[in-house]
Amino acid sequence: MATPDPEVTPMSPPLLTRGELEAALKGLPEWRVEEGVLRRDVQCVSFPSAIELVTRIAEVAEEMNHHPDIDIRWRTLHLSVVTHASGGLTRYDAELATRIDALAAD
């Protein structure tokens, strides 16, 4: 489970219910939940293409004001998404994961 952020406030987005999370995951087959965090690995064809994908993810993250953790290992991106302000997974995480999937499919 994700560690709750000490800055969780009543204005933080609500956590997904178990049913909402299960429904979201049906549309995100490449993603898994580990320790309360959505995770996905993306294999790119080259290191430059991995960096290009990171740049495109960064643009979406900035637009959403919701930022994933990204670990780059040569051609492989290890992505983690969680709403720290809520201490777990919210609709913003599912939306960001969906948008990352669209970018990774291009």
Protein backbone atom coordinates (compact mmCIF):
# COMPACT_ATOMS: atom_id res chain seq x y z
CA MET A 1 0.00 0.00 0.00
CA ALA A 2 1.23 3.48 -0.78
CA THR A 3 2.33 5.48 2.22
CA PRO A 4 -0.17 8.28 2.88
CA ASP A 5 1.21 11.72 2.21
CA PRO A 6 1.20 13.98 5.27
CA GLU A 7 -0.39 16.66 3.06
CA VAL A 8 -3.63 14.69 2.45
CA THR A 9 -6.45 17.18 2.76
CA PRO A 10 -10.23 17.11 2.32
CA MET A 11 -9.57 18.56 -1.16
CA SER A 12 -7.44 15.56 -2.18
CA PRO A 13 -9.11 13.41 -4.84
CA PRO A 14 -10.98 10.42 -3.37
CA LEU A 15 -9.39 6.99 -3.57
CA LEU A 16 -10.85 4.52 -6.04
CA THR A 17 -13.05 1.86 -4.47
CA ARG A 18 -12.12 -1.77 -5.02
CA GLY A 19 -14.84 -2.02 -7.69
CA GLU A 20 -13.71 1.15 -9.44
CA LEU A 21 -10.11 -0.05 -9.44
CA GLU A 22 -11.07 -3.46 -10.83
CA ALA A 23 -13.11 -1.77 -13.58
CA ALA A 24 -10.22 0.56 -14.43
CA LEU A 25 -7.75 -2.33 -14.60
CA LYS A 26 -9.93 -4.13 -17.16
CA GLY A 27 -9.14 -1.27 -19.53
CA LEU A 28 -5.45 -1.25 -18.54
CA PRO A 29 -4.21 -4.80 -19.23
CA GLU A 30 -0.53 -3.77 -19.27
CA TRP A 31 -0.74 -2.30 -15.77
CA ARG A 32 -0.57 -4.04 -12.40
CA VAL A 33 -1.08 -2.89 -8.83
CA GLU A 34 1.89 -3.40 -6.53
CA GLU A 35 1.91 -2.00 -2.99
CA GLY A 36 -0.94 0.36 -3.82
CA VAL A 37 0.77 1.78 -6.92
CA LEU A 38 -0.09 1.28 -10.61
CA ARG A 39 2.98 -0.04 -12.45
CA ARG A 40 3.83 -0.81 -16.04
CA ASP A 41 7.02 -1.56 -17.98
CA VAL A 42 7.33 -0.35 -21.56
CA GLN A 43 9.94 -1.82 -23.89
CA CYS A 44 11.03 0.62 -26.61
CA VAL A 45 12.99 -0.17 -29.78
CA SER A 46 15.97 2.01 -28.81
CA PHE A 47 17.27 4.30 -26.09
CA PRO A 48 16.43 7.44 -28.12
CA SER A 49 12.86 6.19 -28.65
CA ALA A 50 12.57 5.57 -24.88
CA ILE A 51 13.67 9.15 -24.20
CA GLU A 52 11.20 10.43 -26.81
CA LEU A 53 8.39 8.53 -25.08
CA VAL A 54 9.41 9.99 -21.72
CA THR A 55 9.19 13.47 -23.25
CA ARG A 56 5.70 12.77 -24.57
CA ILE A 57 4.62 11.35 -21.18
CA ALA A 58 6.05 14.47 -19.50
CA GLU A 59 3.92 16.70 -21.73
CA VAL A 60 0.74 14.83 -20.76
CA ALA A 61 1.76 14.80 -17.08
CA GLU A 62 2.29 18.56 -17.13
CA GLU A 63 -1.08 19.07 -18.84
CA MET A 64 -2.77 16.96 -16.15
CA ASN A 65 -0.58 18.25 -13.30
CA HIS A 66 -0.18 14.59 -12.34
CA HIS A 67 3.29 13.11 -12.67
CA PRO A 68 4.41 9.48 -12.84
CA ASP A 69 7.65 8.11 -11.48
CA ILE A 70 9.78 7.01 -14.42
CA ASP A 71 12.86 4.80 -14.24
CA ILE A 72 14.76 4.45 -17.53
CA ARG A 73 16.89 1.35 -18.05
CA TRP A 74 18.31 1.47 -21.58
CA ARG A 75 15.25 0.73 -23.75
CA THR A 76 12.88 -0.11 -20.89
CA LEU A 77 10.74 2.37 -18.99
CA HIS A 78 9.46 1.37 -15.55
CA LEU A 79 6.44 3.54 -14.80
CA SER A 80 4.68 4.05 -11.46
CA VAL A 81 1.54 6.11 -10.92
CA VAL A 82 -0.10 7.02 -7.61
CA THR A 83 -1.80 10.09 -6.15
CA HIS A 84 0.48 10.92 -3.25
CA ALA A 85 -1.84 13.68 -2.01
CA SER A 86 -4.57 11.06 -1.48
CA GLY A 87 -2.32 8.27 -0.27
CA GLY A 88 -3.35 5.82 -3.00
CA LEU A 89 -4.97 5.36 -6.38
CA THR A 90 -7.51 7.84 -7.75
CA ARG A 91 -9.25 8.45 -11.06
CA TYR A 92 -6.28 10.63 -12.04
CA ASP A 93 -4.01 7.59 -11.93
CA ALA A 94 -6.34 5.58 -14.16
CA GLU A 95 -6.61 8.50 -16.59
CA LEU A 96 -2.85 9.02 -16.71
CA ALA A 97 -2.27 5.29 -17.24
CA THR A 98 -4.79 5.31 -20.11
CA ARG A 99 -3.06 8.27 -21.72
CA ILE A 100 0.37 6.66 -21.29
CA ASP A 101 -0.95 3.51 -22.99
CA ALA A 102 -2.07 5.61 -25.98
CA LEU A 103 1.39 7.20 -26.22
CA ALA A 104 3.17 3.84 -25.90
CA ALA A 105 1.00 2.38 -28.67
CA ASP A 106 2.07 5.08 -31.18
